[in-house]
Amino acid sequence: MAITCEINGQKLELEYPCTWCYKVVATERAGIEIAVMEVCVERNYTLEHSNASSSGKYISMNLELLVHNEDERTYFYETLKAHPHIKMVL
């Protein structure tokens, strides 16, 4: 299934299922790992260090997983964003 959407004036076409990458930001690595384990239950994913703020207050990690449709993609985004350990999801 193909979905076309417009982001910042540019058209983006997604073909599902597809691999999607979320950048997850928190104050500590363990918080991100816990949140991802709780949200991505029984789902294969990769989680890799991305960056840390210059002050060391925040850390970001890239979460990559297979999503089967737009609803799943949005579900993972919203659920991670609402998790108490997570500060931001991009």
PDB file of N, CA and C in Angstrom:
ATOM      1  N   MET A   1       0.837  -1.175   0.000  1.00  0.00           N
ATOM      2  CA  MET A   1       0.000   0.000   0.000  1.00  0.00           C
ATOM      3  C   MET A   1       0.883   1.240   0.000  1.00  0.00           C
ATOM      4  N   ALA A   2       0.583   2.170  -0.862  1.00  0.00           N
ATOM      5  CA  ALA A   2       1.342   3.412  -0.941  1.00  0.00           C
ATOM      6  C   ALA A   2       0.523   4.548  -0.353  1.00  0.00           C
ATOM      7  N   ILE A   3       1.170   5.386   0.417  1.00  0.00           N
ATOM      8  CA  ILE A   3       0.547   6.558   1.018  1.00  0.00           C
ATOM      9  C   ILE A   3       1.353   7.772   0.564  1.00  0.00           C
ATOM     10  N   THR A   4       0.670   8.821   0.109  1.00  0.00           N
ATOM     11  CA  THR A   4       1.346  10.055  -0.268  1.00  0.00           C
ATOM     12  C   THR A   4       0.924  11.134   0.716  1.00  0.00           C
ATOM     13  N   CYS A   5       1.897  11.834   1.275  1.00  0.00           N
ATOM     14  CA  CYS A   5       1.587  12.945   2.165  1.00  0.00           C
ATOM     15  C   CYS A   5       2.531  14.095   1.841  1.00  0.00           C
ATOM     16  N   GLU A   6       2.159  15.273   2.298  1.00  0.00           N
ATOM     17  CA  GLU A   6       2.964  16.455   2.028  1.00  0.00           C
ATOM     18  C   GLU A   6       3.567  16.953   3.335  1.00  0.00           C
ATOM     19  N   ILE A   7       4.881  17.128   3.340  1.00  0.00           N
ATOM     20  CA  ILE A   7       5.604  17.626   4.507  1.00  0.00           C
ATOM     21  C   ILE A   7       6.441  18.814   4.061  1.00  0.00           C
ATOM     22  N   ASN A   8       6.196  19.968   4.663  1.00  0.00           N
ATOM     23  CA  ASN A   8       6.920  21.201   4.329  1.00  0.00           C
ATOM     24  C   ASN A   8       6.923  21.478   2.824  1.00  0.00           C
ATOM     25  N   GLY A   9       5.776  21.238   2.191  1.00  0.00           N
ATOM     26  CA  GLY A   9       5.655  21.535   0.772  1.00  0.00           C
ATOM     27  C   GLY A   9       6.222  20.475  -0.150  1.00  0.00           C
ATOM     28  N   GLN A  10       6.787  19.407   0.410  1.00  0.00           N
ATOM     29  CA  GLN A  10       7.345  18.342  -0.419  1.00  0.00           C
ATOM     30  C   GLN A  10       6.500  17.084  -0.256  1.00  0.00           C
ATOM     31  N   LYS A  11       6.262  16.409  -1.369  1.00  0.00           N
ATOM     32  CA  LYS A  11       5.472  15.187  -1.324  1.00  0.00           C
ATOM     33  C   LYS A  11       6.365  14.013  -0.940  1.00  0.00           C
ATOM     34  N   LEU A  12       5.848  13.212  -0.024  1.00  0.00           N
ATOM     35  CA  LEU A  12       6.548  12.028   0.452  1.00  0.00           C
ATOM     36  C   LEU A  12       5.647  10.835   0.210  1.00  0.00           C
ATOM     37  N   GLU A  13       6.147   9.842  -0.495  1.00  0.00           N
ATOM     38  CA  GLU A  13       5.361   8.643  -0.743  1.00  0.00           C
ATOM     39  C   GLU A  13       5.960   7.491   0.040  1.00  0.00           C
ATOM     40  N   LEU A  14       5.137   6.881   0.870  1.00  0.00           N
ATOM     41  CA  LEU A  14       5.567   5.745   1.677  1.00  0.00           C
ATOM     42  C   LEU A  14       4.911   4.478   1.155  1.00  0.00           C
ATOM     43  N   GLU A  15       5.691   3.464   0.990  1.00  0.00           N
ATOM     44  CA  GLU A  15       5.203   2.160   0.566  1.00  0.00           C
ATOM     45  C   GLU A  15       5.268   1.242   1.787  1.00  0.00           C
ATOM     46  N   TYR A  16       4.114   0.770   2.250  1.00  0.00           N
ATOM     47  CA  TYR A  16       4.071  -0.098   3.426  1.00  0.00           C
ATOM     48  C   TYR A  16       4.012  -1.547   3.016  1.00  0.00           C
ATOM     49  N   PRO A  17       4.607  -2.426   3.810  1.00  0.00           N
ATOM     50  CA  PRO A  17       5.395  -2.168   5.022  1.00  0.00           C
ATOM     51  C   PRO A  17       6.741  -1.538   4.664  1.00  0.00           C
ATOM     52  N   CYS A  18       7.274  -0.762   5.613  1.00  0.00           N
ATOM     53  CA  CYS A  18       8.577  -0.130   5.406  1.00  0.00           C
ATOM     54  C   CYS A  18       9.302  -0.002   6.745  1.00  0.00           C
ATOM     55  N   THR A  19      10.600   0.138   6.666  1.00  0.00           N
ATOM     56  CA  THR A  19      11.405   0.359   7.852  1.00  0.00           C
ATOM     57  C   THR A  19      11.366   1.844   8.169  1.00  0.00           C
ATOM     58  N   TRP A  20      11.080   2.187   9.420  1.00  0.00           N
ATOM     59  CA  TRP A  20      10.967   3.585   9.838  1.00  0.00           C
ATOM     60  C   TRP A  20      11.939   3.834  10.971  1.00  0.00           C
ATOM     61  N   CYS A  21      12.543   5.005  10.980  1.00  0.00           N
ATOM     62  CA  CYS A  21      13.504   5.362  12.016  1.00  0.00           C
ATOM     63  C   CYS A  21      12.962   6.537  12.828  1.00  0.00           C
ATOM     64  N   TYR A  22      12.906   6.357  14.137  1.00  0.00           N
ATOM     65  CA  TYR A  22      12.512   7.412  15.072  1.00  0.00           C
ATOM     66  C   TYR A  22      13.752   7.845  15.840  1.00  0.00           C
ATOM     67  N   LYS A  23      13.933   9.128  16.035  1.00  0.00           N
ATOM     68  CA  LYS A  23      14.997   9.625  16.901  1.00  0.00           C
ATOM     69  C   LYS A  23      14.338   9.893  18.250  1.00  0.00           C
ATOM     70  N   VAL A  24      14.821   9.191  19.275  1.00  0.00           N
ATOM     71  CA  VAL A  24      14.220   9.248  20.604  1.00  0.00           C
ATOM     72  C   VAL A  24      15.184   9.973  21.540  1.00  0.00           C
ATOM     73  N   VAL A  25      14.689  10.986  22.251  1.00  0.00           N
ATOM     74  CA  VAL A  25      15.517  11.823  23.111  1.00  0.00           C
ATOM     75  C   VAL A  25      15.064  11.670  24.564  1.00  0.00           C
ATOM     76  N   ALA A  26      16.040  11.525  25.460  1.00  0.00           N
ATOM     77  CA  ALA A  26      15.763  11.403  26.893  1.00  0.00           C
ATOM     78  C   ALA A  26      16.971  11.923  27.668  1.00  0.00           C
ATOM     79  N   THR A  27      16.867  11.870  28.982  1.00  0.00           N
ATOM     80  CA  THR A  27      17.991  12.326  29.805  1.00  0.00           C
ATOM     81  C   THR A  27      18.995  11.214  30.074  1.00  0.00           C
ATOM     82  N   GLU A  28      18.605   9.966  29.845  1.00  0.00           N
ATOM     83  CA  GLU A  28      19.550   8.862  30.038  1.00  0.00           C
ATOM     84  C   GLU A  28      19.227   7.696  29.102  1.00  0.00           C
ATOM     85  N   ARG A  29      20.267   6.974  28.756  1.00  0.00           N
ATOM     86  CA  ARG A  29      20.148   5.837  27.838  1.00  0.00           C
ATOM     87  C   ARG A  29      19.190   4.783  28.378  1.00  0.00           C
ATOM     88  N   ALA A  30      19.296   4.484  29.667  1.00  0.00           N
ATOM     89  CA  ALA A  30      18.446   3.453  30.270  1.00  0.00           C
ATOM     90  C   ALA A  30      16.970   3.793  30.121  1.00  0.00           C
ATOM     91  N   GLY A  31      16.629   5.081  30.225  1.00  0.00           N
ATOM     92  CA  GLY A  31      15.242   5.494  30.060  1.00  0.00           C
ATOM     93  C   GLY A  31      14.721   5.196  28.669  1.00  0.00           C
ATOM     94  N   ILE A  32      15.546   5.444  27.665  1.00  0.00           N
ATOM     95  CA  ILE A  32      15.155   5.141  26.284  1.00  0.00           C
ATOM     96  C   ILE A  32      14.995   3.638  26.107  1.00  0.00           C
ATOM     97  N   GLU A  33      15.946   2.869  26.621  1.00  0.00           N
ATOM     98  CA  GLU A  33      15.890   1.412  26.478  1.00  0.00           C
ATOM     99  C   GLU A  33      14.639   0.837  27.132  1.00  0.00           C
ATOM    100  N   ILE A  34      14.287   1.327  28.318  1.00  0.00           N
ATOM    101  CA  ILE A  34      13.085   0.857  29.012  1.00  0.00           C
ATOM    102  C   ILE A  34      11.838   1.204  28.206  1.00  0.00           C
ATOM    103  N   ALA A  35      11.743   2.445  27.751  1.00  0.00           N
ATOM    104  CA  ALA A  35      10.575   2.882  26.989  1.00  0.00           C
ATOM    105  C   ALA A  35      10.398   2.059  25.724  1.00  0.00           C
ATOM    106  N   VAL A  36      11.478   1.838  25.005  1.00  0.00           N
ATOM    107  CA  VAL A  36      11.393   1.081  23.753  1.00  0.00           C
ATOM    108  C   VAL A  36      10.986  -0.362  24.029  1.00  0.00           C
ATOM    109  N   MET A  37      11.534  -0.970  25.067  1.00  0.00           N
ATOM    110  CA  MET A  37      11.146  -2.346  25.409  1.00  0.00           C
ATOM    111  C   MET A  37       9.658  -2.425  25.752  1.00  0.00           C
ATOM    112  N   GLU A  38       9.145  -1.430  26.460  1.00  0.00           N
ATOM    113  CA  GLU A  38       7.734  -1.429  26.847  1.00  0.00           C
ATOM    114  C   GLU A  38       6.798  -1.162  25.671  1.00  0.00           C
ATOM    115  N   VAL A  39       7.213  -0.324  24.740  1.00  0.00           N
ATOM    116  CA  VAL A  39       6.357   0.046  23.612  1.00  0.00           C
ATOM    117  C   VAL A  39       6.463  -0.953  22.464  1.00  0.00           C
ATOM    118  N   CYS A  40       7.639  -1.476  22.219  1.00  0.00           N
ATOM    119  CA  CYS A  40       7.865  -2.359  21.064  1.00  0.00           C
ATOM    120  C   CYS A  40       7.850  -3.830  21.466  1.00  0.00           C
ATOM    121  N   VAL A  41       6.929  -4.198  22.308  1.00  0.00           N
ATOM    122  CA  VAL A  41       6.810  -5.566  22.795  1.00  0.00           C
ATOM    123  C   VAL A  41       6.633  -6.520  21.619  1.00  0.00           C
ATOM    124  N   GLU A  42       7.386  -7.615  21.636  1.00  0.00           N
ATOM    125  CA  GLU A  42       7.313  -8.655  20.609  1.00  0.00           C
ATOM    126  C   GLU A  42       7.522  -8.118  19.190  1.00  0.00           C
ATOM    127  N   ARG A  43       8.324  -7.093  19.070  1.00  0.00           N
ATOM    128  CA  ARG A  43       8.629  -6.493  17.760  1.00  0.00           C
ATOM    129  C   ARG A  43      10.138  -6.449  17.613  1.00  0.00           C
ATOM    130  N   ASN A  44      10.653  -6.833  16.465  1.00  0.00           N
ATOM    131  CA  ASN A  44      12.084  -6.708  16.197  1.00  0.00           C
ATOM    132  C   ASN A  44      12.411  -5.254  15.923  1.00  0.00           C
ATOM    133  N   TYR A  45      13.494  -4.773  16.516  1.00  0.00           N
ATOM    134  CA  TYR A  45      13.922  -3.393  16.304  1.00  0.00           C
ATOM    135  C   TYR A  45      15.419  -3.295  16.538  1.00  0.00           C
ATOM    136  N   THR A  46      16.002  -2.210  16.056  1.00  0.00           N
ATOM    137  CA  THR A  46      17.387  -1.894  16.395  1.00  0.00           C
ATOM    138  C   THR A  46      17.377  -0.544  17.098  1.00  0.00           C
ATOM    139  N   LEU A  47      18.246  -0.421  18.087  1.00  0.00           N
ATOM    140  CA  LEU A  47      18.354   0.809  18.859  1.00  0.00           C
ATOM    141  C   LEU A  47      19.829   1.137  18.964  1.00  0.00           C
ATOM    142  N   GLU A  48      20.210   2.285  18.399  1.00  0.00           N
ATOM    143  CA  GLU A  48      21.621   2.673  18.370  1.00  0.00           C
ATOM    144  C   GLU A  48      21.790   4.095  18.876  1.00  0.00           C
ATOM    145  N   HIS A  49      22.923   4.337  19.547  1.00  0.00           N
ATOM    146  CA  HIS A  49      23.250   5.678  20.024  1.00  0.00           C
ATOM    147  C   HIS A  49      23.332   6.625  18.835  1.00  0.00           C
ATOM    148  N   SER A  50      22.777   7.818  18.994  1.00  0.00           N
ATOM    149  CA  SER A  50      22.829   8.812  17.935  1.00  0.00           C
ATOM    150  C   SER A  50      23.700   9.992  18.326  1.00  0.00           C
ATOM    151  N   ASN A  51      23.358  10.638  19.461  1.00  0.00           N
ATOM    152  CA  ASN A  51      24.067  11.854  19.826  1.00  0.00           C
ATOM    153  C   ASN A  51      23.841  12.151  21.303  1.00  0.00           C
ATOM    154  N   ALA A  52      24.629  13.087  21.819  1.00  0.00           N
ATOM    155  CA  ALA A  52      24.447  13.597  23.179  1.00  0.00           C
ATOM    156  C   ALA A  52      24.613  15.108  23.121  1.00  0.00           C
ATOM    157  N   SER A  53      23.877  15.798  23.970  1.00  0.00           N
ATOM    158  CA  SER A  53      24.002  17.260  23.988  1.00  0.00           C
ATOM    159  C   SER A  53      25.381  17.643  24.524  1.00  0.00           C
ATOM    160  N   SER A  54      25.826  18.847  24.203  1.00  0.00           N
ATOM    161  CA  SER A  54      27.155  19.289  24.635  1.00  0.00           C
ATOM    162  C   SER A  54      27.256  19.348  26.157  1.00  0.00           C
ATOM    163  N   SER A  55      26.152  19.603  26.837  1.00  0.00           N
ATOM    164  CA  SER A  55      26.166  19.649  28.299  1.00  0.00           C
ATOM    165  C   SER A  55      26.021  18.258  28.914  1.00  0.00           C
ATOM    166  N   GLY A  56      25.654  17.278  28.087  1.00  0.00           N
ATOM    167  CA  GLY A  56      25.471  15.918  28.581  1.00  0.00           C
ATOM    168  C   GLY A  56      24.108  15.694  29.225  1.00  0.00           C
ATOM    169  N   LYS A  57      23.237  16.694  29.149  1.00  0.00           N
ATOM    170  CA  LYS A  57      21.921  16.584  29.780  1.00  0.00           C
ATOM    171  C   LYS A  57      20.997  15.644  29.010  1.00  0.00           C
ATOM    172  N   TYR A  58      21.133  15.608  27.687  1.00  0.00           N
ATOM    173  CA  TYR A  58      20.245  14.789  26.862  1.00  0.00           C
ATOM    174  C   TYR A  58      21.044  13.829  25.992  1.00  0.00           C
ATOM    175  N   ILE A  59      20.414  12.703  25.691  1.00  0.00           N
ATOM    176  CA  ILE A  59      20.986  11.711  24.788  1.00  0.00           C
ATOM    177  C   ILE A  59      19.910  11.357  23.767  1.00  0.00           C
ATOM    178  N   SER A  60      20.327  11.088  22.537  1.00  0.00           N
ATOM    179  CA  SER A  60      19.372  10.633  21.532  1.00  0.00           C
ATOM    180  C   SER A  60      19.835   9.291  20.979  1.00  0.00           C
ATOM    181  N   MET A  61      18.837   8.488  20.639  1.00  0.00           N
ATOM    182  CA  MET A  61      19.098   7.182  20.049  1.00  0.00           C
ATOM    183  C   MET A  61      18.168   7.007  18.858  1.00  0.00           C
ATOM    184  N   ASN A  62      18.630   6.256  17.862  1.00  0.00           N
ATOM    185  CA  ASN A  62      17.826   5.943  16.692  1.00  0.00           C
ATOM    186  C   ASN A  62      17.155   4.593  16.893  1.00  0.00           C
ATOM    187  N   LEU A  63      15.839   4.587  16.791  1.00  0.00           N
ATOM    188  CA  LEU A  63      15.051   3.370  16.873  1.00  0.00           C
ATOM    189  C   LEU A  63      14.553   3.054  15.469  1.00  0.00           C
ATOM    190  N   GLU A  64      14.881   1.880  14.984  1.00  0.00           N
ATOM    191  CA  GLU A  64      14.473   1.475  13.649  1.00  0.00           C
ATOM    192  C   GLU A  64      13.648   0.202  13.747  1.00  0.00           C
ATOM    193  N   LEU A  65      12.466   0.220  13.098  1.00  0.00           N
ATOM    194  CA  LEU A  65      11.624  -0.968  13.098  1.00  0.00           C
ATOM    195  C   LEU A  65      10.716  -0.979  11.878  1.00  0.00           C
ATOM    196  N   LEU A  66      10.162  -2.137  11.590  1.00  0.00           N
ATOM    197  CA  LEU A  66       9.277  -2.311  10.448  1.00  0.00           C
ATOM    198  C   LEU A  66       7.868  -1.909  10.868  1.00  0.00           C
ATOM    199  N   VAL A  67       7.259  -0.995  10.105  1.00  0.00           N
ATOM    200  CA  VAL A  67       5.864  -0.615  10.334  1.00  0.00           C
ATOM    201  C   VAL A  67       5.043  -1.072   9.136  1.00  0.00           C
ATOM    202  N   HIS A  68       3.845  -1.535   9.419  1.00  0.00           N
ATOM    203  CA  HIS A  68       3.018  -2.136   8.369  1.00  0.00           C
ATOM    204  C   HIS A  68       2.013  -1.177   7.750  1.00  0.00           C
ATOM    205  N   ASN A  69       1.751  -0.056   8.425  1.00  0.00           N
ATOM    206  CA  ASN A  69       0.804   0.914   7.880  1.00  0.00           C
ATOM    207  C   ASN A  69       0.948   2.238   8.628  1.00  0.00           C
ATOM    208  N   GLU A  70       0.221   3.235   8.162  1.00  0.00           N
ATOM    209  CA  GLU A  70       0.289   4.583   8.743  1.00  0.00           C
ATOM    210  C   GLU A  70      -0.148   4.588  10.205  1.00  0.00           C
ATOM    211  N   ASP A  71      -1.150   3.800  10.541  1.00  0.00           N
ATOM    212  CA  ASP A  71      -1.628   3.745  11.926  1.00  0.00           C
ATOM    213  C   ASP A  71      -0.543   3.228  12.870  1.00  0.00           C
ATOM    214  N   GLU A  72       0.175   2.191  12.454  1.00  0.00           N
ATOM    215  CA  GLU A  72       1.279   1.674  13.275  1.00  0.00           C
ATOM    216  C   GLU A  72       2.379   2.714  13.435  1.00  0.00           C
ATOM    217  N   ARG A  73       2.716   3.365  12.352  1.00  0.00           N
ATOM    218  CA  ARG A  73       3.782   4.377  12.390  1.00  0.00           C
ATOM    219  C   ARG A  73       3.418   5.478  13.373  1.00  0.00           C
ATOM    220  N   THR A  74       2.181   5.940  13.323  1.00  0.00           N
ATOM    221  CA  THR A  74       1.704   6.978  14.232  1.00  0.00           C
ATOM    222  C   THR A  74       1.604   6.462  15.665  1.00  0.00           C
ATOM    223  N   TYR A  75       1.158   5.217  15.835  1.00  0.00           N
ATOM    224  CA  TYR A  75       1.047   4.621  17.170  1.00  0.00           C
ATOM    225  C   TYR A  75       2.399   4.631  17.890  1.00  0.00           C
ATOM    226  N   PHE A  76       3.445   4.157  17.228  1.00  0.00           N
ATOM    227  CA  PHE A  76       4.759   4.110  17.871  1.00  0.00           C
ATOM    228  C   PHE A  76       5.251   5.515  18.212  1.00  0.00           C
ATOM    229  N   TYR A  77       5.046   6.455  17.320  1.00  0.00           N
ATOM    230  CA  TYR A  77       5.446   7.839  17.575  1.00  0.00           C
ATOM    231  C   TYR A  77       4.728   8.402  18.802  1.00  0.00           C
ATOM    232  N   GLU A  78       3.411   8.310  18.816  1.00  0.00           N
ATOM    233  CA  GLU A  78       2.614   8.888  19.903  1.00  0.00           C
ATOM    234  C   GLU A  78       2.868   8.179  21.237  1.00  0.00           C
ATOM    235  N   THR A  79       2.987   6.870  21.210  1.00  0.00           N
ATOM    236  CA  THR A  79       3.187   6.107  22.439  1.00  0.00           C
ATOM    237  C   THR A  79       4.561   6.376  23.041  1.00  0.00           C
ATOM    238  N   LEU A  80       5.591   6.434  22.204  1.00  0.00           N
ATOM    239  CA  LEU A  80       6.921   6.775  22.711  1.00  0.00           C
ATOM    240  C   LEU A  80       6.941   8.200  23.256  1.00  0.00           C
ATOM    241  N   LYS A  81       6.329   9.130  22.531  1.00  0.00           N
ATOM    242  CA  LYS A  81       6.310  10.529  22.937  1.00  0.00           C
ATOM    243  C   LYS A  81       5.620  10.711  24.293  1.00  0.00           C
ATOM    244  N   ALA A  82       4.628   9.887  24.586  1.00  0.00           N
ATOM    245  CA  ALA A  82       3.873   9.989  25.839  1.00  0.00           C
ATOM    246  C   ALA A  82       4.542   9.260  27.003  1.00  0.00           C
ATOM    247  N   HIS A  83       5.580   8.481  26.731  1.00  0.00           N
ATOM    248  CA  HIS A  83       6.239   7.701  27.791  1.00  0.00           C
ATOM    249  C   HIS A  83       6.950   8.639  28.764  1.00  0.00           C
ATOM    250  N   PRO A  84       6.857   8.379  30.076  1.00  0.00           N
ATOM    251  CA  PRO A  84       7.458   9.288  31.061  1.00  0.00           C
ATOM    252  C   PRO A  84       8.984   9.417  30.982  1.00  0.00           C
ATOM    253  N   HIS A  85       9.693   8.438  30.436  1.00  0.00           N
ATOM    254  CA  HIS A  85      11.156   8.509  30.321  1.00  0.00           C
ATOM    255  C   HIS A  85      11.609   9.339  29.113  1.00  0.00           C
ATOM    256  N   ILE A  86      10.694   9.578  28.177  1.00  0.00           N
ATOM    257  CA  ILE A  86      11.054  10.195  26.904  1.00  0.00           C
ATOM    258  C   ILE A  86      10.734  11.679  26.906  1.00  0.00           C
ATOM    259  N   LYS A  87      11.689  12.486  26.433  1.00  0.00           N
ATOM    260  CA  LYS A  87      11.494  13.933  26.336  1.00  0.00           C
ATOM    261  C   LYS A  87      10.942  14.343  24.975  1.00  0.00           C
ATOM    262  N   MET A  88      11.379  13.644  23.911  1.00  0.00           N
ATOM    263  CA  MET A  88      10.997  14.048  22.555  1.00  0.00           C
ATOM    264  C   MET A  88      11.196  12.880  21.596  1.00  0.00           C
ATOM    265  N   VAL A  89      10.370  12.836  20.553  1.00  0.00           N
ATOM    266  CA  VAL A  89      10.516  11.852  19.479  1.00  0.00           C
ATOM    267  C   VAL A  89      10.446  12.610  18.159  1.00  0.00           C
ATOM    268  N   LEU A  90      11.405  12.345  17.298  1.00  0.00           N
ATOM    269  CA  LEU A  90      11.422  12.972  15.965  1.00  0.00           C
ATOM    270  C   LEU A  90      11.305  11.893  14.916  1.00  0.00           C
TER     271      LEU A  90
END
